[in-house]
C-alpha atoms as a PDB file:
ATOM      1  CA  MET A   1      70.860 125.434 109.262  1.00  0.00           C
ATOM      2  CA  ARG A   2      70.437 124.076 105.701  1.00  0.00           C
ATOM      3  CA  ILE A   3      70.269 120.393 106.868  1.00  0.00           C
ATOM      4  CA  LEU A   4      68.961 118.910 103.529  1.00  0.00           C
ATOM      5  CA  PRO A   5      71.521 120.439 101.171  1.00  0.00           C
ATOM      6  CA  LEU A   6      74.111 119.377 103.463  1.00  0.00           C
ATOM      7  CA  ILE A   7      72.992 115.818 103.676  1.00  0.00           C
ATOM      8  CA  GLY A   8      72.701 115.697  99.840  1.00  0.00           C
ATOM      9  CA  ALA A   9      76.238 116.823  99.228  1.00  0.00           C
ATOM     10  CA  ALA A  10      77.661 114.510 101.987  1.00  0.00           C
ATOM     11  CA  SER A  11      75.789 111.464 100.487  1.00  0.00           C
ATOM     12  CA  VAL A  12      76.984 112.164  96.889  1.00  0.00           C
ATOM     13  CA  VAL A  13      80.766 112.571  98.126  1.00  0.00           C
ATOM     14  CA  ALA A  14      80.380 109.309 100.204  1.00  0.00           C
ATOM     15  CA  LEU A  15      78.848 107.500  97.262  1.00  0.00           C
ATOM     16  CA  ALA A  16      81.484 108.639  94.932  1.00  0.00           C
ATOM     17  CA  THR A  17      84.239 108.140  97.298  1.00  0.00           C
ATOM     18  CA  ALA A  18      83.070 104.629  97.858  1.00  0.00           C
ATOM     19  CA  ALA A  19      83.337 103.693  94.271  1.00  0.00           C
ATOM     20  CA  PHE A  20      86.322 101.767  93.426  1.00  0.00           C
ATOM     21  CA  ALA A  21      87.447 102.093  97.046  1.00  0.00           C
ATOM     22  CA  LEU A  22      90.552 100.103  97.742  1.00  0.00           C
ATOM     23  CA  PRO A  23      90.321  99.213 101.525  1.00  0.00           C
ATOM     24  CA  ALA A  24      93.328  98.585 103.567  1.00  0.00           C
ATOM     25  CA  ALA A  25      94.521  94.925 102.768  1.00  0.00           C
ATOM     26  CA  LYS A  26      93.167  92.792 105.588  1.00  0.00           C
ATOM     27  CA  PRO A  27      91.102  89.545 105.662  1.00  0.00           C
ATOM     28  CA  GLY A  28      87.555  90.068 104.763  1.00  0.00           C
ATOM     29  CA  LYS A  29      88.082  93.225 102.774  1.00  0.00           C
ATOM     30  CA  MET A  30      89.816  93.104  99.348  1.00  0.00           C
ATOM     31  CA  ASP A  31      92.565  90.823 100.360  1.00  0.00           C
ATOM     32  CA  LEU A  32      90.484  87.899 100.796  1.00  0.00           C
ATOM     33  CA  ASP A  33      93.214  85.494 101.410  1.00  0.00           C
ATOM     34  CA  GLY A  34      94.973  87.798 103.930  1.00  0.00           C
ATOM     35  CA  ASN A  35      98.449  87.699 102.298  1.00  0.00           C
ATOM     36  CA  GLY A  36      98.756  91.473 102.171  1.00  0.00           C
ATOM     37  CA  ILE A  37      98.536  91.699  98.295  1.00  0.00           C
ATOM     38  CA  VAL A  38      95.445  92.515  96.302  1.00  0.00           C
ATOM     39  CA  SER A  39      95.146  90.470  93.154  1.00  0.00           C
ATOM     40  CA  LYS A  40      92.825  91.707  90.206  1.00  0.00           C
ATOM     41  CA  ALA A  41      90.375  88.909  90.886  1.00  0.00           C
ATOM     42  CA  GLU A  42      90.149  90.143  94.456  1.00  0.00           C
ATOM     43  CA  ALA A  43      89.711  93.601  93.329  1.00  0.00           C
ATOM     44  CA  MET A  44      87.016  92.853  90.858  1.00  0.00           C
ATOM     45  CA  THR A  45      85.057  90.922  93.368  1.00  0.00           C
ATOM     46  CA  ALA A  46      85.165  93.987  95.748  1.00  0.00           C
ATOM     47  CA  ALA A  47      84.055  96.151  92.647  1.00  0.00           C
ATOM     48  CA  ASP A  48      81.160  93.815  91.996  1.00  0.00           C
ATOM     49  CA  GLY A  49      80.304  93.987  95.736  1.00  0.00           C
ATOM     50  CA  MET A  50      80.419  97.775  95.696  1.00  0.00           C
ATOM     51  CA  PHE A  51      78.377  98.016  92.549  1.00  0.00           C
ATOM     52  CA  ALA A  52      75.673  96.014  94.128  1.00  0.00           C
ATOM     53  CA  ARG A  53      75.635  98.207  97.319  1.00  0.00           C
ATOM     54  CA  MET A  54      75.570 101.449  95.319  1.00  0.00           C
ATOM     55  CA  ASP A  55      72.722 100.136  93.165  1.00  0.00           C
ATOM     56  CA  GLN A  56      70.119 101.052  95.747  1.00  0.00           C
ATOM     57  CA  ASN A  57      67.085 100.286  93.583  1.00  0.00           C
ATOM     58  CA  LYS A  58      68.638  97.109  91.996  1.00  0.00           C
ATOM     59  CA  ASP A  59      67.905  98.089  88.563  1.00  0.00           C
ATOM     60  CA  GLY A  60      71.377  97.123  87.240  1.00  0.00           C
ATOM     61  CA  SER A  61      72.690 100.543  86.950  1.00  0.00           C
ATOM     62  CA  ILE A  62      73.831 103.551  89.207  1.00  0.00           C
ATOM     63  CA  ASN A  63      72.047 106.749  88.381  1.00  0.00           C
ATOM     64  CA  ALA A  64      70.208 109.741  90.133  1.00  0.00           C
ATOM     65  CA  ALA A  65      67.683 107.352  91.467  1.00  0.00           C
ATOM     66  CA  ASP A  66      70.064 105.583  93.584  1.00  0.00           C
ATOM     67  CA  ARG A  67      71.552 108.889  94.855  1.00  0.00           C
ATOM     68  CA  GLU A  68      68.093 109.994  95.930  1.00  0.00           C
ATOM     69  CA  ALA A  69      67.471 106.583  97.628  1.00  0.00           C
ATOM     70  CA  GLY A  70      70.774 106.908  99.416  1.00  0.00           C
ATOM     71  CA  VAL A  71      69.818 110.404 100.499  1.00  0.00           C
ATOM     72  CA  LYS A  72      66.505 109.201 102.058  1.00  0.00           C
ATOM     73  CA  VAL A  73      68.268 106.379 103.842  1.00  0.00           C
ATOM     74  CA  ARG A  74      70.770 108.996 105.387  1.00  0.00           C
ATOM     75  CA  PHE A  75      67.961 111.355 106.151  1.00  0.00           C
ATOM     76  CA  GLN A  76      66.183 108.270 107.955  1.00  0.00           C
ATOM     77  CA  GLU A  77      69.344 107.529 110.008  1.00  0.00           C
ATOM     78  CA  ILE A  78      69.699 111.069 111.289  1.00  0.00           C
ATOM     79  CA  ASP A  79      65.941 111.619 111.870  1.00  0.00           C
ATOM     80  CA  ALA A  80      65.905 109.828 115.270  1.00  0.00           C
ATOM     81  CA  ASP A  81      62.351 110.673 116.372  1.00  0.00           C
ATOM     82  CA  LYS A  82      61.055 109.850 112.810  1.00  0.00           C
ATOM     83  CA  ASN A  83      59.057 113.100 112.596  1.00  0.00           C
ATOM     84  CA  GLY A  84      60.154 113.856 108.938  1.00  0.00           C
ATOM     85  CA  SER A  85      62.646 116.604 109.843  1.00  0.00           C
ATOM     86  CA  VAL A  86      66.076 116.738 111.120  1.00  0.00           C
ATOM     87  CA  SER A  87      66.736 119.061 114.100  1.00  0.00           C
ATOM     88  CA  GLU A  88      70.235 120.596 114.871  1.00  0.00           C
ATOM     89  CA  ALA A  89      70.345 118.203 117.846  1.00  0.00           C
ATOM     90  CA  GLU A  90      69.710 115.129 115.733  1.00  0.00           C
ATOM     91  CA  PHE A  91      72.323 116.185 113.277  1.00  0.00           C
ATOM     92  CA  LEU A  92      74.941 116.860 115.890  1.00  0.00           C
ATOM     93  CA  ALA A  93      74.169 113.558 117.625  1.00  0.00           C
ATOM     94  CA  HIS A  94      74.605 111.685 114.522  1.00  0.00           C
ATOM     95  CA  HIS A  95      77.729 113.358 113.726  1.00  0.00           C
ATOM     96  CA  GLN A  96      79.138 112.424 117.199  1.00  0.00           C
ATOM     97  CA  GLU A  97      78.017 108.850 116.834  1.00  0.00           C
ATOM     98  CA  ARG A  98      79.918 108.563 113.528  1.00  0.00           C
ATOM     99  CA  MET A  99      82.962 110.174 115.099  1.00  0.00           C
ATOM    100  CA  GLU A 100      82.959 107.584 117.865  1.00  0.00           C
ATOM    101  CA  GLU A 101      82.543 104.812 115.437  1.00  0.00           C
ATOM    102  CA  ARG A 102      85.588 105.997 113.376  1.00  0.00           C
ATOM    103  CA  GLN A 103      87.535 106.291 116.502  1.00  0.00           C
ATOM    104  CA  ALA A 104      86.708 102.804 117.656  1.00  0.00           C
ATOM    105  CA  LYS A 105      87.675 101.522 114.089  1.00  0.00           C
ATOM    106  CA  ARG A 106      90.882 103.200 114.106  1.00  0.00           C
ATOM    107  CA  ALA A 107      91.733 101.919 117.616  1.00  0.00           C
ATOM    108  CA  GLU A 108      90.899  98.299 116.344  1.00  0.00           C
ATOM    109  CA  PHE A 109      92.987  98.753 113.268  1.00  0.00           C
ATOM    110  CA  ARG A 110      96.043  99.906 115.247  1.00  0.00           C
ATOM    111  CA  ALA A 111      95.277  96.811 117.652  1.00  0.00           C
ATOM    112  CA  GLU A 112      95.569  94.456 114.867  1.00  0.00           C
ATOM    113  CA  GLY A 113      99.067  95.995 113.975  1.00  0.00           C
ATOM    114  CA  GLY A 114      98.156  98.653 111.370  1.00  0.00           C
ATOM    115  CA  LYS A 115     100.623 101.399 111.006  1.00  0.00           C
ATOM    116  CA  HIS A 116      98.629 103.781 108.907  1.00  0.00           C
ATOM    117  CA  GLY A 117      95.741 104.859 111.161  1.00  0.00           C
ATOM    118  CA  HIS A 118      93.324 107.185 109.296  1.00  0.00           C
ATOM    119  CA  LYS A 119      93.763 110.905 110.312  1.00  0.00           C
ATOM    120  CA  GLY A 120      90.794 113.339 110.506  1.00  0.00           C
ATOM    121  CA  GLY A 121      87.925 110.896 110.710  1.00  0.00           C
ATOM    122  CA  HIS A 122      86.830 111.052 107.209  1.00  0.00           C
ATOM    123  CA  ARG A 123      85.639 107.666 106.601  1.00  0.00           C
ATOM    124  CA  GLY A 124      82.297 106.664 108.078  1.00  0.00           C
ATOM    125  CA  LYS A 125      80.451 103.505 107.018  1.00  0.00           C
ATOM    126  CA  HIS A 126      82.195 103.555 103.632  1.00  0.00           C
ATOM    127  CA  HIS A 127      85.557 101.935 104.368  1.00  0.00           C
ATOM    128  CA  GLY A 128      89.033 102.419 102.613  1.00  0.00           C
ATOM    129  CA  GLY A 129      91.267 104.492 100.592  1.00  0.00           C
ATOM    130  CA  GLY A 130      90.971 103.942  96.816  1.00  0.00           C
ATOM    131  CA  PHE A 131      92.192 103.471  93.332  1.00  0.00           C
ATOM    132  CA  GLY A 132      91.587 107.244  92.925  1.00  0.00           C
ATOM    133  CA  GLY A 133      89.061 109.992  93.429  1.00  0.00           C
ATOM    134  CA  GLY A 134      85.392 108.627  93.354  1.00  0.00           C
ATOM    135  CA  MET A 135      83.806 111.681  91.649  1.00  0.00           C
ATOM    136  CA  ALA A 136      86.350 111.609  88.846  1.00  0.00           C
ATOM    137  CA  MET A 137      85.939 107.739  88.607  1.00  0.00           C
ATOM    138  CA  LEU A 138      82.291 108.005  88.332  1.00  0.00           C
ATOM    139  CA  LYS A 139      82.436 110.589  85.582  1.00  0.00           C
ATOM    140  CA  ALA A 140      85.059 108.430  83.790  1.00  0.00           C
ATOM    141  CA  ALA A 141      83.014 105.357  84.208  1.00  0.00           C
ATOM    142  CA  ASP A 142      80.078 106.860  82.478  1.00  0.00           C
ATOM    143  CA  ALA A 143      81.421 105.993  78.958  1.00  0.00           C
ATOM    144  CA  ASN A 144      78.500 107.135  76.942  1.00  0.00           C
ATOM    145  CA  GLY A 145      77.795 110.452  79.011  1.00  0.00           C
ATOM    146  CA  ASP A 146      74.164 109.362  79.733  1.00  0.00           C
ATOM    147  CA  ARG A 147      74.531 109.995  83.578  1.00  0.00           C
ATOM    148  CA  THR A 148      73.991 106.340  84.182  1.00  0.00           C
ATOM    149  CA  ILE A 149      76.591 103.801  84.970  1.00  0.00           C
ATOM    150  CA  THR A 150      75.983 100.208  83.998  1.00  0.00           C
ATOM    151  CA  LYS A 151      77.744  97.314  85.723  1.00  0.00           C
ATOM    152  CA  ALA A 152      79.888  96.786  82.463  1.00  0.00           C
ATOM    153  CA  GLU A 153      80.886 100.581  82.650  1.00  0.00           C
ATOM    154  CA  PHE A 154      81.598 100.188  86.328  1.00  0.00           C
ATOM    155  CA  GLN A 155      83.711  97.046  85.809  1.00  0.00           C
ATOM    156  CA  SER A 156      85.586  98.523  83.013  1.00  0.00           C
ATOM    157  CA  ALA A 157      86.550 101.587  84.920  1.00  0.00           C
ATOM    158  CA  ALA A 158      87.540  99.538  87.896  1.00  0.00           C
ATOM    159  CA  GLU A 159      89.824  97.474  85.678  1.00  0.00           C
ATOM    160  CA  ALA A 160      91.358 100.643  84.367  1.00  0.00           C
ATOM    161  CA  ARG A 161      91.922 102.007  87.900  1.00  0.00           C
ATOM    162  CA  PHE A 162      93.524  98.650  88.955  1.00  0.00           C
ATOM    163  CA  ALA A 163      95.909  98.872  86.105  1.00  0.00           C
ATOM    164  CA  MET A 164      96.848 102.301  86.909  1.00  0.00           C
ATOM    165  CA  ALA A 165      97.522 101.428  90.498  1.00  0.00           C
ATOM    166  CA  ASP A 166      99.528  98.264  89.518  1.00  0.00           C
ATOM    167  CA  THR A 167     102.481 100.355  88.714  1.00  0.00           C
ATOM    168  CA  ASP A 168     104.838  97.309  88.248  1.00  0.00           C
ATOM    169  CA  LYS A 169     102.340  95.548  86.072  1.00  0.00           C
ATOM    170  CA  ASN A 170     102.506  92.242  87.771  1.00  0.00           C
ATOM    171  CA  GLY A 171      98.685  91.621  88.052  1.00  0.00           C
ATOM    172  CA  SER A 172      98.481  92.443  91.824  1.00  0.00           C
ATOM    173  CA  LEU A 173      98.840  95.206  94.187  1.00  0.00           C
ATOM    174  CA  SER A 174     101.619  95.300  96.802  1.00  0.00           C
ATOM    175  CA  ALA A 175     101.159  97.036 100.154  1.00  0.00           C
ATOM    176  CA  GLU A 176     103.288  99.895  98.722  1.00  0.00           C
ATOM    177  CA  GLU A 177     101.062 100.217  95.527  1.00  0.00           C
ATOM    178  CA  GLN A 178      98.083 100.234  97.915  1.00  0.00           C
ATOM    179  CA  LYS A 179      99.294 102.903 100.090  1.00  0.00           C
ATOM    180  CA  ALA A 180     100.280 105.040  97.024  1.00  0.00           C
ATOM    181  CA  ALA A 181      96.755 104.519  95.566  1.00  0.00           C
ATOM    182  CA  ARG A 182      95.038 105.392  98.861  1.00  0.00           C
ATOM    183  CA  LYS A 183      97.172 108.620  99.056  1.00  0.00           C
ATOM    184  CA  ALA A 184      96.192 109.581  95.391  1.00  0.00           C
ATOM    185  CA  MET A 185      92.508 109.136  96.257  1.00  0.00           C
ATOM    186  CA  ARG A 186      92.620 111.233  99.385  1.00  0.00           C
ATOM    187  CA  ALA A 187      94.298 114.089  97.474  1.00  0.00           C
ATOM    188  CA  GLU A 188      91.669 113.901  94.655  1.00  0.00           C
ATOM    189  CA  ARG A 189      88.799 113.628  97.206  1.00  0.00           C
ATOM    190  CA  ALA A 190      90.006 116.710  99.036  1.00  0.00           C
ATOM    191  CA  LYS A 191      89.845 118.713  96.076  1.00  0.00           C
ATOM    192  CA  LEU A 192      86.303 117.472  94.873  1.00  0.00           C
ATOM    193  CA  ALA A 193      84.582 117.435  98.311  1.00  0.00           C
ATOM    194  CA  PRO A 194      84.472 121.266  98.858  1.00  0.00           C
ATOM    195  CA  GLN A 195      83.042 121.814  95.286  1.00  0.00           C
ATOM    196  CA  SER A 196      80.481 119.204  95.799  1.00  0.00           C
ATOM    197  CA  ALA A 197      79.366 120.843  99.256  1.00  0.00           C
ATOM    198  CA  THR A 198      79.261 124.172  97.488  1.00  0.00           C
ATOM    199  CA  ASP A 199      77.116 123.056  94.583  1.00  0.00           C
ATOM    200  CA  GLY A 200      74.700 120.839  96.687  1.00  0.00           C
ATOM    201  CA  THR A 201      75.081 118.247  94.190  1.00  0.00           C
END
């Protein structure tokens, strides 16, 4: 079983999908005031928080070093006995744990009155739908093509994606606009994930 390439691909897809993620509007997520509408200020606050989490080595940019750091963290999570390798049993146990976490979160979401439960369990510790496909957004954010995304580039791309999701151009995202953005993100992610897994990138 090719564990390491699989972990690498999964980490990259998760990292990219998380970028510019637009979680379901609920208190404590992007909708900070809990009114069901995401303002641009709320979206940019969330983008800043996401950049900070993705910048694993805290050097002020997102690049290959952060991806490698993320892969190491993921590997350590799966390597339950800390012997420096991942067995099939450890991999499957970790997968089962993630599945149970997702099921619990979906149940909690429905209990709170959510109508759009996530299907298929594709969201682990990275929450939410999105303003669009993460891989495409990361590429678009790299304005100068140097394979490094600065905070300024990240913010600029997040602003552009917000503007795209804000179809009525009123400076905020309604529940309908958020739903449409999540749907677009899922479609784009579905196209990109198989390619990433094949490439091992």
